[in-house]
N, C-alpha and C. Protein backbone atom coordinates (compact mmCIF):
# COMPACT_ATOMS: atom_id res chain seq x y z
N ALA A 1 112.30 158.52 107.77
CA ALA A 1 111.95 158.06 106.45
C ALA A 1 112.95 158.55 105.40
N ARG A 2 113.30 159.82 105.49
CA ARG A 2 114.27 160.39 104.55
C ARG A 2 115.59 159.65 104.62
N GLU A 3 116.05 159.36 105.87
CA GLU A 3 117.32 158.70 106.05
C GLU A 3 117.33 157.30 105.48
N LEU A 4 116.24 156.55 105.70
CA LEU A 4 116.17 155.19 105.18
C LEU A 4 116.19 155.18 103.68
N LEU A 5 115.40 156.02 103.04
CA LEU A 5 115.37 156.07 101.58
C LEU A 5 116.71 156.49 101.01
N HIS A 6 117.34 157.44 101.66
CA HIS A 6 118.65 157.92 101.22
C HIS A 6 119.69 156.81 101.28
N ARG A 7 119.71 156.04 102.36
CA ARG A 7 120.74 155.03 102.56
C ARG A 7 120.63 153.92 101.52
N ILE A 8 119.38 153.55 101.18
CA ILE A 8 119.26 152.44 100.19
C ILE A 8 119.18 152.96 98.78
N GLY A 9 119.15 154.27 98.59
CA GLY A 9 119.17 154.83 97.25
C GLY A 9 117.90 154.55 96.48
N ALA A 10 116.72 154.60 97.12
CA ALA A 10 115.48 154.29 96.47
C ALA A 10 114.51 155.45 96.66
N ASP A 11 113.50 155.53 95.74
CA ASP A 11 112.45 156.52 95.88
C ASP A 11 111.22 155.93 96.59
N ARG A 12 111.23 154.61 96.73
CA ARG A 12 110.06 153.96 97.39
C ARG A 12 110.48 152.63 98.00
N VAL A 13 109.94 152.38 99.18
CA VAL A 13 110.15 151.09 99.83
C VAL A 13 108.80 150.55 100.28
N ASP A 14 108.50 149.28 99.90
CA ASP A 14 107.29 148.65 100.28
C ASP A 14 107.59 147.39 101.15
N LEU A 15 107.02 147.33 102.31
CA LEU A 15 107.33 146.21 103.20
C LEU A 15 106.03 145.49 103.60
N THR A 16 106.14 144.14 103.65
CA THR A 16 105.10 143.32 104.21
C THR A 16 105.63 142.79 105.56
N LEU A 17 104.95 143.05 106.63
CA LEU A 17 105.38 142.66 107.95
C LEU A 17 104.54 141.46 108.42
N ALA A 18 105.24 140.41 108.87
CA ALA A 18 104.54 139.24 109.39
C ALA A 18 105.52 138.52 110.31
N GLY A 19 105.54 138.95 111.55
CA GLY A 19 106.46 138.32 112.49
C GLY A 19 106.53 139.11 113.76
N ARG A 20 107.48 138.77 114.59
CA ARG A 20 107.63 139.34 115.91
C ARG A 20 108.62 140.46 115.90
N LEU A 21 108.22 141.63 116.42
CA LEU A 21 109.04 142.83 116.51
C LEU A 21 109.63 142.88 117.97
N GLU A 22 110.90 143.16 118.08
CA GLU A 22 111.54 143.19 119.39
C GLU A 22 112.46 144.42 119.51
N GLY A 23 112.09 145.30 120.44
CA GLY A 23 112.99 146.40 120.85
C GLY A 23 113.18 147.51 119.84
N LEU A 24 112.23 147.74 118.92
CA LEU A 24 112.29 148.82 117.98
C LEU A 24 111.48 150.01 118.51
N ALA A 25 112.18 151.03 119.02
CA ALA A 25 111.52 152.26 119.51
C ALA A 25 110.47 151.89 120.55
N ASP A 26 110.80 150.97 121.49
CA ASP A 26 109.91 150.56 122.56
C ASP A 26 108.68 149.79 122.08
N LEU A 27 108.73 149.22 120.88
CA LEU A 27 107.64 148.42 120.38
C LEU A 27 108.09 146.94 120.38
N ARG A 28 107.17 146.06 120.91
CA ARG A 28 107.47 144.62 120.87
C ARG A 28 106.18 143.90 120.63
N GLY A 29 106.22 142.78 119.92
CA GLY A 29 105.03 141.99 119.73
C GLY A 29 104.90 141.45 118.32
N GLN A 30 103.84 140.67 118.14
CA GLN A 30 103.52 140.14 116.81
C GLN A 30 102.87 141.19 115.94
N VAL A 31 103.50 141.53 114.84
CA VAL A 31 103.02 142.61 113.96
C VAL A 31 102.81 142.06 112.58
N ASN A 32 101.65 142.35 112.00
CA ASN A 32 101.29 141.96 110.63
C ASN A 32 100.72 143.21 109.90
N GLY A 33 101.05 143.33 108.63
CA GLY A 33 100.51 144.45 107.82
C GLY A 33 101.42 144.85 106.71
N GLN A 34 101.10 146.06 106.19
CA GLN A 34 101.84 146.65 105.08
C GLN A 34 102.36 148.02 105.48
N LEU A 35 103.55 148.35 104.98
CA LEU A 35 104.18 149.64 105.25
C LEU A 35 104.87 150.12 104.00
N SER A 36 104.63 151.39 103.62
CA SER A 36 105.30 151.97 102.44
C SER A 36 105.89 153.31 102.79
N LEU A 37 107.10 153.56 102.33
CA LEU A 37 107.79 154.84 102.41
C LEU A 37 108.04 155.31 101.00
N VAL A 38 107.63 156.53 100.69
CA VAL A 38 107.75 157.06 99.31
C VAL A 38 108.38 158.44 99.36
N SER A 39 109.40 158.66 98.50
CA SER A 39 110.02 159.94 98.34
C SER A 39 109.44 160.61 97.12
N ALA A 40 108.93 161.87 97.34
CA ALA A 40 108.33 162.63 96.23
C ALA A 40 108.89 164.03 96.30
N PRO A 41 108.67 164.83 95.19
CA PRO A 41 109.15 166.21 95.21
C PRO A 41 108.60 167.01 96.40
N SER A 42 107.40 166.68 96.84
CA SER A 42 106.79 167.39 97.96
C SER A 42 107.24 166.91 99.32
N GLY A 43 108.05 165.83 99.33
CA GLY A 43 108.54 165.31 100.62
C GLY A 43 108.24 163.83 100.74
N GLN A 44 108.69 163.22 101.85
CA GLN A 44 108.49 161.81 102.09
C GLN A 44 107.08 161.54 102.59
N ARG A 45 106.56 160.36 102.23
CA ARG A 45 105.19 159.98 102.58
C ARG A 45 105.21 158.56 103.18
N ILE A 46 104.41 158.35 104.21
CA ILE A 46 104.31 157.03 104.81
C ILE A 46 102.88 156.54 104.77
N THR A 47 102.71 155.30 104.36
CA THR A 47 101.41 154.63 104.34
C THR A 47 101.50 153.31 105.04
N ALA A 48 100.62 153.03 105.94
CA ALA A 48 100.70 151.79 106.70
C ALA A 48 99.34 151.32 107.18
N ALA A 49 99.16 150.02 107.24
CA ALA A 49 98.02 149.37 107.87
C ALA A 49 98.56 148.20 108.68
N LEU A 50 98.62 148.35 110.00
CA LEU A 50 99.35 147.43 110.85
C LEU A 50 98.46 146.91 111.95
N ARG A 51 98.69 145.66 112.36
CA ARG A 51 98.01 145.07 113.49
C ARG A 51 99.03 144.44 114.42
N MET A 52 98.87 144.69 115.73
CA MET A 52 99.78 144.12 116.72
C MET A 52 98.97 143.24 117.62
N GLU A 53 99.57 142.09 118.01
CA GLU A 53 98.92 141.14 118.95
C GLU A 53 99.94 140.72 120.00
N GLN A 54 99.50 140.62 121.24
CA GLN A 54 100.38 140.16 122.37
C GLN A 54 101.66 140.88 122.37
N GLY A 55 101.59 142.22 122.43
CA GLY A 55 102.81 143.02 122.32
C GLY A 55 102.94 144.03 123.45
N GLN A 56 103.86 145.01 123.21
CA GLN A 56 104.16 146.02 124.21
C GLN A 56 104.42 147.31 123.49
N ILE A 57 103.76 148.39 123.92
CA ILE A 57 104.05 149.74 123.47
C ILE A 57 104.42 150.55 124.67
N GLY A 58 105.72 150.80 124.84
CA GLY A 58 106.16 151.43 126.08
C GLY A 58 105.70 150.64 127.30
N GLY A 59 104.94 151.22 128.18
CA GLY A 59 104.48 150.55 129.38
C GLY A 59 103.10 149.90 129.24
N ILE A 60 102.56 149.89 128.00
CA ILE A 60 101.23 149.30 127.80
C ILE A 60 101.36 147.93 127.19
N ALA A 61 100.81 146.93 127.87
CA ALA A 61 100.78 145.57 127.33
C ALA A 61 99.56 145.43 126.42
N VAL A 62 99.81 145.19 125.13
CA VAL A 62 98.78 145.23 124.12
C VAL A 62 98.31 143.79 123.78
N SER A 63 97.02 143.53 123.94
CA SER A 63 96.48 142.23 123.49
C SER A 63 96.04 142.36 122.06
N ALA A 64 95.58 143.51 121.61
CA ALA A 64 95.23 143.71 120.18
C ALA A 64 95.30 145.22 119.90
N GLY A 65 96.03 145.57 118.84
CA GLY A 65 96.09 146.96 118.42
C GLY A 65 96.12 147.10 116.92
N GLU A 66 95.47 148.16 116.41
CA GLU A 66 95.44 148.40 114.96
C GLU A 66 95.78 149.85 114.76
N VAL A 67 96.53 150.16 113.69
CA VAL A 67 96.80 151.54 113.34
C VAL A 67 96.87 151.69 111.82
N SER A 68 96.26 152.72 111.26
CA SER A 68 96.38 153.01 109.83
C SER A 68 96.95 154.40 109.72
N ILE A 69 97.91 154.58 108.81
CA ILE A 69 98.66 155.85 108.64
C ILE A 69 98.72 156.14 107.13
N ASP A 70 98.50 157.42 106.78
CA ASP A 70 98.59 157.78 105.37
C ASP A 70 98.83 159.29 105.28
N GLY A 71 100.10 159.70 104.99
CA GLY A 71 100.40 161.09 104.87
C GLY A 71 101.85 161.36 104.89
N PRO A 72 102.25 162.63 104.95
CA PRO A 72 103.67 163.02 104.97
C PRO A 72 104.34 162.54 106.21
N ALA A 73 105.61 162.06 106.09
CA ALA A 73 106.31 161.50 107.25
C ALA A 73 106.53 162.43 108.36
N LEU A 74 106.54 163.79 108.08
CA LEU A 74 106.74 164.78 109.14
C LEU A 74 105.46 165.01 109.94
N ALA A 75 104.30 164.57 109.43
CA ALA A 75 103.04 164.73 110.17
C ALA A 75 101.97 163.89 109.48
N ALA A 76 102.07 162.56 109.68
CA ALA A 76 101.15 161.65 108.97
C ALA A 76 99.87 161.45 109.78
N PRO A 77 98.70 161.68 109.16
CA PRO A 77 97.45 161.37 109.87
C PRO A 77 97.35 159.90 110.18
N LEU A 78 96.75 159.56 111.32
CA LEU A 78 96.61 158.17 111.72
C LEU A 78 95.27 157.92 112.42
N ARG A 79 94.87 156.68 112.37
CA ARG A 79 93.73 156.18 113.15
C ARG A 79 94.21 154.98 113.97
N TYR A 80 93.71 154.80 115.18
CA TYR A 80 94.19 153.71 116.01
C TYR A 80 93.04 153.08 116.84
N ARG A 81 93.29 151.86 117.20
CA ARG A 81 92.40 151.10 118.11
C ARG A 81 93.27 150.22 118.93
N LEU A 82 93.08 150.27 120.29
CA LEU A 82 93.98 149.58 121.17
C LEU A 82 93.24 148.90 122.28
N ARG A 83 93.61 147.66 122.59
CA ARG A 83 93.06 146.94 123.74
C ARG A 83 94.21 146.29 124.46
N GLY A 84 94.30 146.49 125.80
CA GLY A 84 95.39 145.91 126.56
C GLY A 84 95.33 146.31 128.02
N ARG A 85 96.53 146.46 128.63
CA ARG A 85 96.60 146.80 130.04
C ARG A 85 97.74 147.78 130.25
N ALA A 86 97.52 148.84 131.06
CA ALA A 86 98.57 149.74 131.51
C ALA A 86 98.71 149.51 133.04
N MET A 87 99.89 149.06 133.48
CA MET A 87 100.02 148.56 134.84
C MET A 87 98.98 147.47 135.05
N SER A 88 98.04 147.61 136.02
CA SER A 88 97.03 146.56 136.19
C SER A 88 95.69 147.01 135.65
N ALA A 89 95.61 148.13 134.93
CA ALA A 89 94.34 148.70 134.46
C ALA A 89 94.03 148.18 133.07
N PRO A 90 92.83 147.53 132.86
CA PRO A 90 92.42 147.23 131.49
C PRO A 90 92.16 148.53 130.71
N VAL A 91 92.59 148.55 129.45
CA VAL A 91 92.55 149.73 128.62
C VAL A 91 91.91 149.38 127.28
N GLU A 92 90.95 150.19 126.84
CA GLU A 92 90.43 150.11 125.45
C GLU A 92 90.33 151.51 124.94
N LEU A 93 90.99 151.85 123.81
CA LEU A 93 91.00 153.19 123.28
C LEU A 93 90.84 153.16 121.78
N THR A 94 90.18 154.17 121.22
CA THR A 94 90.13 154.38 119.77
C THR A 94 90.28 155.90 119.51
N GLY A 95 90.85 156.27 118.38
CA GLY A 95 90.96 157.65 118.09
C GLY A 95 91.75 158.00 116.83
N THR A 96 92.14 159.25 116.70
CA THR A 96 92.86 159.73 115.55
C THR A 96 94.06 160.59 116.04
N GLY A 97 94.93 160.94 115.11
CA GLY A 97 96.05 161.78 115.50
C GLY A 97 97.00 161.95 114.36
N THR A 98 98.23 162.38 114.68
CA THR A 98 99.31 162.52 113.67
C THR A 98 100.57 161.88 114.22
N LEU A 99 101.36 161.32 113.32
CA LEU A 99 102.62 160.67 113.66
C LEU A 99 103.77 161.36 113.00
N THR A 100 104.84 161.59 113.77
CA THR A 100 106.07 162.20 113.23
C THR A 100 107.22 161.23 113.48
N LEU A 101 107.94 160.89 112.43
CA LEU A 101 109.08 159.96 112.53
C LEU A 101 110.40 160.77 112.62
N ALA A 102 111.33 160.22 113.40
CA ALA A 102 112.64 160.83 113.55
C ALA A 102 113.68 159.70 113.67
N PRO A 103 114.96 159.98 113.36
CA PRO A 103 115.98 158.94 113.47
C PRO A 103 116.08 158.31 114.85
N SER A 104 115.78 159.07 115.90
CA SER A 104 115.93 158.53 117.29
C SER A 104 114.65 157.93 117.84
N GLY A 105 113.56 158.00 117.11
CA GLY A 105 112.30 157.43 117.61
C GLY A 105 111.11 158.02 116.88
N TRP A 106 110.03 158.28 117.60
CA TRP A 106 108.82 158.78 116.96
C TRP A 106 108.01 159.61 117.98
N ARG A 107 107.10 160.43 117.45
CA ARG A 107 106.24 161.23 118.30
C ARG A 107 104.85 161.23 117.71
N ALA A 108 103.81 161.18 118.55
CA ALA A 108 102.43 161.17 118.05
C ALA A 108 101.62 162.20 118.87
N SER A 109 100.70 162.87 118.20
CA SER A 109 99.70 163.73 118.86
C SER A 109 98.36 163.03 118.63
N LEU A 110 97.67 162.73 119.73
CA LEU A 110 96.49 161.85 119.67
C LEU A 110 95.26 162.48 120.30
N ASN A 111 94.11 162.18 119.71
CA ASN A 111 92.82 162.43 120.31
C ASN A 111 92.08 161.13 120.31
N GLY A 112 91.29 160.88 121.39
CA GLY A 112 90.57 159.62 121.39
C GLY A 112 89.68 159.49 122.62
N ALA A 113 89.04 158.33 122.71
CA ALA A 113 88.16 158.04 123.85
C ALA A 113 88.13 156.54 124.05
N GLY A 114 87.70 156.12 125.23
CA GLY A 114 87.64 154.72 125.54
C GLY A 114 87.28 154.45 126.98
N VAL A 115 87.81 153.34 127.46
CA VAL A 115 87.50 152.91 128.86
C VAL A 115 88.80 152.49 129.50
N VAL A 116 89.09 152.94 130.72
CA VAL A 116 90.22 152.47 131.53
C VAL A 116 89.68 151.96 132.84
N ALA A 117 89.94 150.74 133.15
CA ALA A 117 89.48 150.08 134.41
C ALA A 117 87.96 150.33 134.59
N GLY A 118 87.17 150.23 133.52
CA GLY A 118 85.70 150.35 133.60
C GLY A 118 85.21 151.78 133.61
N THR A 119 86.04 152.78 133.54
CA THR A 119 85.63 154.16 133.60
C THR A 119 85.84 154.84 132.27
N PRO A 120 84.83 155.59 131.75
CA PRO A 120 85.01 156.29 130.47
C PRO A 120 86.08 157.35 130.58
N VAL A 121 86.90 157.41 129.56
CA VAL A 121 87.97 158.44 129.46
C VAL A 121 87.93 158.98 128.03
N ALA A 122 88.43 160.24 127.91
CA ALA A 122 88.59 160.88 126.61
C ALA A 122 89.59 161.96 126.72
N THR A 123 90.29 162.27 125.65
CA THR A 123 91.22 163.35 125.65
C THR A 123 90.47 164.66 125.68
N ASP A 124 91.00 165.68 126.38
CA ASP A 124 90.41 167.00 126.48
C ASP A 124 91.41 167.99 125.89
N GLY A 125 91.70 167.82 124.60
CA GLY A 125 92.84 168.42 123.95
C GLY A 125 93.77 167.32 123.51
N ALA A 126 94.75 167.61 122.66
CA ALA A 126 95.61 166.54 122.13
C ALA A 126 96.55 166.00 123.19
N ALA A 127 96.70 164.67 123.21
CA ALA A 127 97.67 164.02 124.02
C ALA A 127 98.97 163.80 123.24
N GLY A 128 100.10 163.88 123.92
CA GLY A 128 101.38 163.67 123.24
C GLY A 128 102.04 162.39 123.70
N VAL A 129 102.54 161.60 122.76
CA VAL A 129 103.23 160.36 123.05
C VAL A 129 104.55 160.41 122.32
N THR A 130 105.64 160.17 123.09
CA THR A 130 107.00 160.23 122.49
C THR A 130 107.80 159.02 122.88
N SER A 131 108.48 158.41 121.92
CA SER A 131 109.39 157.29 122.20
C SER A 131 110.75 157.70 121.60
N ALA A 132 111.73 157.90 122.46
CA ALA A 132 113.05 158.30 122.03
C ALA A 132 114.08 158.04 123.09
N GLY A 133 115.23 157.62 122.71
CA GLY A 133 116.32 157.46 123.67
C GLY A 133 116.03 156.51 124.80
N GLY A 134 115.26 155.47 124.55
CA GLY A 134 114.97 154.49 125.56
C GLY A 134 113.90 154.91 126.57
N ARG A 135 113.21 156.01 126.30
CA ARG A 135 112.15 156.51 127.20
C ARG A 135 110.83 156.60 126.40
N PHE A 136 109.74 156.24 127.08
CA PHE A 136 108.40 156.31 126.52
C PHE A 136 107.60 157.27 127.40
N THR A 137 107.22 158.45 126.81
CA THR A 137 106.57 159.50 127.62
C THR A 137 105.18 159.82 127.07
N VAL A 138 104.24 159.99 127.98
CA VAL A 138 102.88 160.34 127.63
C VAL A 138 102.48 161.60 128.42
N THR A 139 101.98 162.64 127.76
CA THR A 139 101.36 163.77 128.44
C THR A 139 99.98 163.90 127.85
N ALA A 140 99.01 164.00 128.77
CA ALA A 140 97.59 163.94 128.33
C ALA A 140 96.64 164.71 129.24
N PRO A 141 95.90 165.67 128.65
CA PRO A 141 94.79 166.26 129.41
C PRO A 141 93.54 165.37 129.14
N LEU A 142 92.92 164.86 130.20
CA LEU A 142 91.89 163.83 130.04
C LEU A 142 90.65 164.24 130.81
N ARG A 143 89.50 163.79 130.25
CA ARG A 143 88.25 163.72 130.99
C ARG A 143 88.10 162.25 131.48
N VAL A 144 87.96 162.09 132.79
CA VAL A 144 87.84 160.76 133.43
C VAL A 144 86.55 160.74 134.21
N GLY A 145 85.58 159.95 133.76
CA GLY A 145 84.24 159.99 134.38
C GLY A 145 83.72 161.39 134.34
N ASP A 146 83.31 161.98 135.50
CA ASP A 146 82.82 163.32 135.55
C ASP A 146 83.94 164.35 135.90
N GLY A 147 85.15 163.89 136.03
CA GLY A 147 86.23 164.78 136.43
C GLY A 147 87.25 164.99 135.34
N SER A 148 88.38 165.62 135.64
CA SER A 148 89.39 165.89 134.69
C SER A 148 90.76 165.51 135.31
N LEU A 149 91.71 165.16 134.46
CA LEU A 149 93.00 164.66 134.93
C LEU A 149 94.07 165.09 133.96
N ASP A 150 95.11 165.79 134.44
CA ASP A 150 96.32 166.02 133.67
C ASP A 150 97.33 164.95 134.01
N LEU A 151 97.72 164.17 133.05
CA LEU A 151 98.52 162.97 133.24
C LEU A 151 99.86 163.12 132.55
N ARG A 152 100.91 162.70 133.25
CA ARG A 152 102.23 162.56 132.64
C ARG A 152 102.88 161.25 133.08
N LEU A 153 103.18 160.39 132.11
CA LEU A 153 103.84 159.15 132.40
C LEU A 153 105.22 159.16 131.72
N ASP A 154 106.23 158.83 132.47
CA ASP A 154 107.59 158.70 131.91
C ASP A 154 108.05 157.30 132.25
N LEU A 155 107.92 156.40 131.22
CA LEU A 155 108.18 154.99 131.43
C LEU A 155 109.57 154.62 130.93
N GLY A 156 110.57 155.27 131.46
CA GLY A 156 111.95 154.90 131.15
C GLY A 156 112.27 153.55 131.72
N ARG A 157 113.28 152.90 131.24
CA ARG A 157 113.59 151.54 131.67
C ARG A 157 114.07 151.46 133.08
N ASP A 158 114.71 152.50 133.58
CA ASP A 158 115.29 152.43 134.93
C ASP A 158 114.38 152.94 136.01
N ARG A 159 113.64 154.02 135.75
CA ARG A 159 112.88 154.63 136.82
C ARG A 159 111.57 155.22 136.31
N PRO A 160 110.49 154.45 136.19
CA PRO A 160 109.22 154.98 135.76
C PRO A 160 108.72 156.09 136.69
N GLU A 161 108.10 157.10 136.14
CA GLU A 161 107.53 158.17 136.93
C GLU A 161 106.13 158.51 136.42
N ILE A 162 105.24 158.87 137.38
CA ILE A 162 103.85 159.23 137.11
C ILE A 162 103.53 160.51 137.81
N ASP A 163 103.01 161.50 137.08
CA ASP A 163 102.59 162.74 137.70
C ASP A 163 101.12 163.02 137.32
N LEU A 164 100.29 163.26 138.32
CA LEU A 164 98.84 163.41 138.10
C LEU A 164 98.32 164.67 138.79
N LEU A 165 97.51 165.44 138.07
CA LEU A 165 96.78 166.55 138.66
C LEU A 165 95.31 166.30 138.42
N ALA A 166 94.59 165.98 139.51
CA ALA A 166 93.19 165.50 139.40
C ALA A 166 92.19 166.54 139.91
N ARG A 167 91.05 166.57 139.28
CA ARG A 167 89.94 167.40 139.70
C ARG A 167 88.69 166.53 139.67
N SER A 168 88.21 166.13 140.85
CA SER A 168 87.01 165.33 140.98
C SER A 168 87.05 164.06 140.11
N VAL A 169 88.15 163.36 140.16
CA VAL A 169 88.38 162.18 139.34
C VAL A 169 88.05 160.90 140.10
N PRO A 170 87.35 159.98 139.46
CA PRO A 170 87.17 158.63 140.12
C PRO A 170 88.52 158.04 140.41
N VAL A 171 88.66 157.46 141.63
CA VAL A 171 89.97 156.95 142.05
C VAL A 171 90.28 155.62 141.41
N ALA A 172 89.25 154.80 141.11
CA ALA A 172 89.48 153.40 140.68
C ALA A 172 90.43 153.28 139.47
N PRO A 173 90.21 154.07 138.35
CA PRO A 173 91.11 153.87 137.24
C PRO A 173 92.53 154.36 137.52
N VAL A 174 92.62 155.47 138.31
CA VAL A 174 93.97 155.98 138.62
C VAL A 174 94.71 155.00 139.55
N GLY A 175 93.96 154.41 140.53
CA GLY A 175 94.59 153.40 141.38
C GLY A 175 95.06 152.18 140.59
N ALA A 176 94.26 151.80 139.60
CA ALA A 176 94.63 150.66 138.74
C ALA A 176 95.89 150.93 137.95
N LEU A 177 96.10 152.22 137.48
CA LEU A 177 97.32 152.58 136.78
C LEU A 177 98.52 152.47 137.71
N LEU A 178 98.27 152.65 139.00
CA LEU A 178 99.37 152.58 140.01
C LEU A 178 99.50 151.17 140.59
N GLY A 179 98.66 150.26 140.13
CA GLY A 179 98.71 148.85 140.65
C GLY A 179 97.99 148.70 141.96
N GLU A 180 97.04 149.60 142.27
CA GLU A 180 96.35 149.53 143.51
C GLU A 180 94.84 149.45 143.25
N ARG A 181 94.05 148.95 144.28
CA ARG A 181 92.63 148.92 144.20
C ARG A 181 92.07 149.95 145.16
N ALA A 182 91.20 150.87 144.67
CA ALA A 182 90.67 151.93 145.45
C ALA A 182 89.36 152.41 144.91
N GLY A 183 88.60 153.21 145.65
CA GLY A 183 87.30 153.76 145.21
C GLY A 183 87.17 155.22 145.63
N GLY A 184 85.99 155.81 145.25
CA GLY A 184 85.71 157.20 145.60
C GLY A 184 86.19 158.16 144.54
N GLN A 185 86.24 159.46 144.91
CA GLN A 185 86.72 160.49 144.00
C GLN A 185 87.87 161.25 144.67
N SER A 186 88.64 161.95 143.86
CA SER A 186 89.82 162.65 144.41
C SER A 186 90.14 163.88 143.60
N SER A 187 90.63 164.91 144.29
CA SER A 187 91.19 166.11 143.68
C SER A 187 92.57 166.35 144.32
N GLY A 188 93.51 166.83 143.52
CA GLY A 188 94.83 167.11 144.05
C GLY A 188 95.92 166.68 143.12
N HIS A 189 97.17 166.68 143.63
CA HIS A 189 98.36 166.39 142.86
C HIS A 189 99.10 165.24 143.47
N VAL A 190 99.52 164.30 142.58
CA VAL A 190 100.30 163.11 143.02
C VAL A 190 101.47 162.97 142.10
N GLY A 191 102.63 162.73 142.68
CA GLY A 191 103.83 162.42 141.88
C GLY A 191 104.38 161.09 142.40
N VAL A 192 104.66 160.14 141.53
CA VAL A 192 105.12 158.80 141.92
C VAL A 192 106.35 158.45 141.10
N ALA A 193 107.41 158.03 141.75
CA ALA A 193 108.60 157.53 141.09
C ALA A 193 108.92 156.16 141.60
N ALA A 194 109.13 155.24 140.69
CA ALA A 194 109.45 153.87 141.09
C ALA A 194 110.96 153.71 141.29
N ARG A 195 111.35 153.18 142.44
CA ARG A 195 112.77 152.89 142.68
C ARG A 195 112.85 151.38 142.96
N GLY A 196 113.38 150.63 142.01
CA GLY A 196 113.36 149.21 142.13
C GLY A 196 111.95 148.71 142.09
N SER A 197 111.53 148.00 143.17
CA SER A 197 110.18 147.48 143.27
C SER A 197 109.33 148.34 144.20
N HIS A 198 109.82 149.58 144.57
CA HIS A 198 109.09 150.37 145.54
C HIS A 198 108.63 151.70 144.87
N LEU A 199 107.67 152.34 145.51
CA LEU A 199 107.19 153.63 145.10
C LEU A 199 107.57 154.68 146.08
N ALA A 200 107.91 155.91 145.63
CA ALA A 200 108.27 156.97 146.58
C ALA A 200 107.66 158.29 146.12
């Protein structure tokens, strides 16, 4: 935010978005809404109310998403609602968090709850989401059904990786994230790296 305002020599920028976003910090899709960047003595501030349809956020295909942001650009409070698919798993999430902007991308710390492949999920502590340098990374301690799951997704363009540490977790939503159909419960550690169209 500071760099943009400095480059154009303004104390405030107000944008109305109504169109398709392509390839900006791993965001793609139809985006509508309002965005403001303001420079003040106390620092830069970002305010936004945005809606995305038929888009992509990293490895998540978004059918509908909403986010509202209002606060300092170094740690702006946000609220979000998301519906879409991660791999083959239907995803619905709502929650709150903070957003940090940087010249190379963005980072968010999120808390929330929802449903993945028909199973209730919720953060068990803050989840971290980072988009920078062509990589989209998620680290999240989660409650999944009656179990717990430590999740790390690295959805780089060349070699996606998934690392899971499960404790009595329903298998169905995890299998759906991996593009598989399965049932039962599981505990243990799984690491998956995609090489081309194969998993290893």
